[in-house]
Structure formats: structure tokens, C-alpha cells
C-alpha atoms as a PDB file:
ATOM      1  CA  MET A   1       0.000   0.000   0.000  1.00  0.00           C
ATOM      2  CA  ASN A   2       1.357   3.401  -0.872  1.00  0.00           C
ATOM      3  CA  ASN A   3       1.261   6.578   1.179  1.00  0.00           C
ATOM      4  CA  GLU A   4      -1.585   8.023  -0.876  1.00  0.00           C
ATOM      5  CA  ASP A   5      -3.782   5.029  -0.037  1.00  0.00           C
ATOM      6  CA  CYS A   6      -2.887   5.294   3.648  1.00  0.00           C
ATOM      7  CA  LEU A   7      -3.860   8.961   3.715  1.00  0.00           C
ATOM      8  CA  ARG A   8      -7.103   8.318   1.848  1.00  0.00           C
ATOM      9  CA  ILE A   9      -8.096   5.526   4.229  1.00  0.00           C
ATOM     10  CA  SER A  10      -7.145   7.605   7.262  1.00  0.00           C
ATOM     11  CA  GLU A  11      -9.233  10.534   6.033  1.00  0.00           C
ATOM     12  CA  TYR A  12     -12.175   8.242   5.336  1.00  0.00           C
ATOM     13  CA  ARG A  13     -11.925   6.731   8.811  1.00  0.00           C
ATOM     14  CA  ASP A  14     -11.832  10.233  10.324  1.00  0.00           C
ATOM     15  CA  ASP A  15     -14.969  11.150   8.362  1.00  0.00           C
ATOM     16  CA  VAL A  16     -16.804   8.041   9.568  1.00  0.00           C
ATOM     17  CA  TYR A  17     -15.740   8.740  13.159  1.00  0.00           C
ATOM     18  CA  GLU A  18     -16.941  12.344  12.996  1.00  0.00           C
ATOM     19  CA  TRP A  19     -20.235  11.250  11.441  1.00  0.00           C
ATOM     20  CA  ALA A  20     -20.821   8.575  14.105  1.00  0.00           C
ATOM     21  CA  CYS A  21     -20.127  11.007  16.954  1.00  0.00           C
ATOM     22  CA  THR A  22     -22.316  13.740  15.479  1.00  0.00           C
ATOM     23  CA  ARG A  23     -25.119  11.314  14.686  1.00  0.00           C
ATOM     24  CA  PHE A  24     -24.993   9.800  18.184  1.00  0.00           C
ATOM     25  CA  GLN A  25     -25.189  13.250  19.794  1.00  0.00           C
ATOM     26  CA  LYS A  26     -28.107  14.256  17.548  1.00  0.00           C
ATOM     27  CA  LEU A  27     -30.037  11.081  18.314  1.00  0.00           C
ATOM     28  CA  ILE A  28     -29.558  11.629  22.058  1.00  0.00           C
ATOM     29  CA  ALA A  29     -30.572  15.297  21.763  1.00  0.00           C
ATOM     30  CA  ASP A  30     -33.701  14.258  19.830  1.00  0.00           C
ATOM     31  CA  GLY A  31     -34.603  11.712  22.516  1.00  0.00           C
ATOM     32  CA  ASP A  32     -34.189   8.752  20.151  1.00  0.00           C
ATOM     33  CA  ASN A  33     -32.306   6.682  22.694  1.00  0.00           C
ATOM     34  CA  ASP A  34     -32.980   3.333  21.009  1.00  0.00           C
ATOM     35  CA  SER A  35     -31.381   4.466  17.759  1.00  0.00           C
ATOM     36  CA  ALA A  36     -28.515   6.116  19.645  1.00  0.00           C
ATOM     37  CA  LEU A  37     -27.804   2.883  21.505  1.00  0.00           C
ATOM     38  CA  ALA A  38     -27.978   0.859  18.288  1.00  0.00           C
ATOM     39  CA  LEU A  39     -25.468   3.225  16.689  1.00  0.00           C
ATOM     40  CA  ALA A  40     -23.254   3.109  19.787  1.00  0.00           C
ATOM     41  CA  ASP A  41     -23.369  -0.679  19.710  1.00  0.00           C
ATOM     42  CA  GLU A  42     -22.123  -0.686  16.116  1.00  0.00           C
ATOM     43  CA  PHE A  43     -19.430   1.963  16.653  1.00  0.00           C
ATOM     44  CA  PHE A  44     -18.592   1.240  20.302  1.00  0.00           C
ATOM     45  CA  GLU A  45     -14.840   1.045  19.864  1.00  0.00           C
ATOM     46  CA  TRP A  46     -14.790   4.250  17.810  1.00  0.00           C
ATOM     47  CA  LEU A  47     -16.955   6.196  20.249  1.00  0.00           C
ATOM     48  CA  ASP A  48     -14.830   5.222  23.241  1.00  0.00           C
ATOM     49  CA  PRO A  49     -11.824   7.593  23.434  1.00  0.00           C
ATOM     50  CA  GLU A  50      -9.844   4.930  25.314  1.00  0.00           C
ATOM     51  CA  GLN A  51     -10.132   2.508  22.392  1.00  0.00           C
ATOM     52  CA  LEU A  52     -10.315   4.834  19.380  1.00  0.00           C
ATOM     53  CA  ASP A  53      -6.648   4.740  18.419  1.00  0.00           C
ATOM     54  CA  ASN A  54      -6.328   1.016  19.138  1.00  0.00           C
ATOM     55  CA  GLU A  55      -9.259  -0.099  16.986  1.00  0.00           C
ATOM     56  CA  GLN A  56      -8.058  -1.689  13.772  1.00  0.00           C
ATOM     57  CA  THR A  57      -9.549  -0.596  10.494  1.00  0.00           C
ATOM     58  CA  LEU A  58      -9.721  -3.445   8.025  1.00  0.00           C
ATOM     59  CA  PHE A  59     -10.078  -2.635   4.369  1.00  0.00           C
ATOM     60  CA  PHE A  60      -9.540  -4.172   0.979  1.00  0.00           C
ATOM     61  CA  ASP A  61      -8.975  -2.989  -2.531  1.00  0.00           C
ATOM     62  CA  ILE A  62     -11.669  -4.588  -4.661  1.00  0.00           C
ATOM     63  CA  ASN A  63      -9.362  -4.781  -7.672  1.00  0.00           C
ATOM     64  CA  GLU A  64      -6.622  -6.539  -5.713  1.00  0.00           C
ATOM     65  CA  LEU A  65      -9.149  -8.884  -4.147  1.00  0.00           C
ATOM     66  CA  THR A  66     -10.673  -9.743  -7.523  1.00  0.00           C
ATOM     67  CA  GLU A  67      -7.244 -10.332  -9.034  1.00  0.00           C
ATOM     68  CA  HIS A  68      -6.261 -12.594  -6.155  1.00  0.00           C
ATOM     69  CA  TYR A  69      -9.527 -14.524  -6.401  1.00  0.00           C
ATOM     70  CA  ARG A  70      -9.054 -15.095 -10.111  1.00  0.00           C
ATOM     71  CA  SER A  71      -5.435 -16.166  -9.612  1.00  0.00           C
ATOM     72  CA  ILE A  72      -6.349 -18.866  -7.098  1.00  0.00           C
ATOM     73  CA  ARG A  73      -9.331 -20.079  -9.133  1.00  0.00           C
ATOM     74  CA  SER A  74      -7.317 -20.784 -12.286  1.00  0.00           C
END
């Protein structure tokens, strides 16, 4: 993976984190506790400041995955 990919993935992860935090706060403010808890359950590790930097982000490049799949199938 090159540096450009690392930066792109890092920025995307930051965007998802910011969205999850903002969405959680809005749901709580609106009194939609069930939805807020469902969101928190899905993003628990990201919403917890103690775990945020330790949570692994797994990703794949669809082109690389497809190429690998085809190479092992032939």
C-alpha cells in the first residue's frame, strides 16, 4: 500500500468517526435513545476515546481482491 492510499483511508476513517459522533449526539438530543444505543453498539470502539486509536480498520482494494480470487481459481 502506498502513502496516498494510507492517507485516503485515514481521512475516510476520520470522516466516519466524525459522522458517528455527530449522529450519536443528535439522536440523544432528539430523545431517540434506542437508535442512539444501536449506533453506539455498532461503533462502540470508535466512540470510546480509550479505544479509538487502538481499533483496527480493516479494508480491501476490490481490484486486488478480484485479481487474487481469479489467480487462485485458475
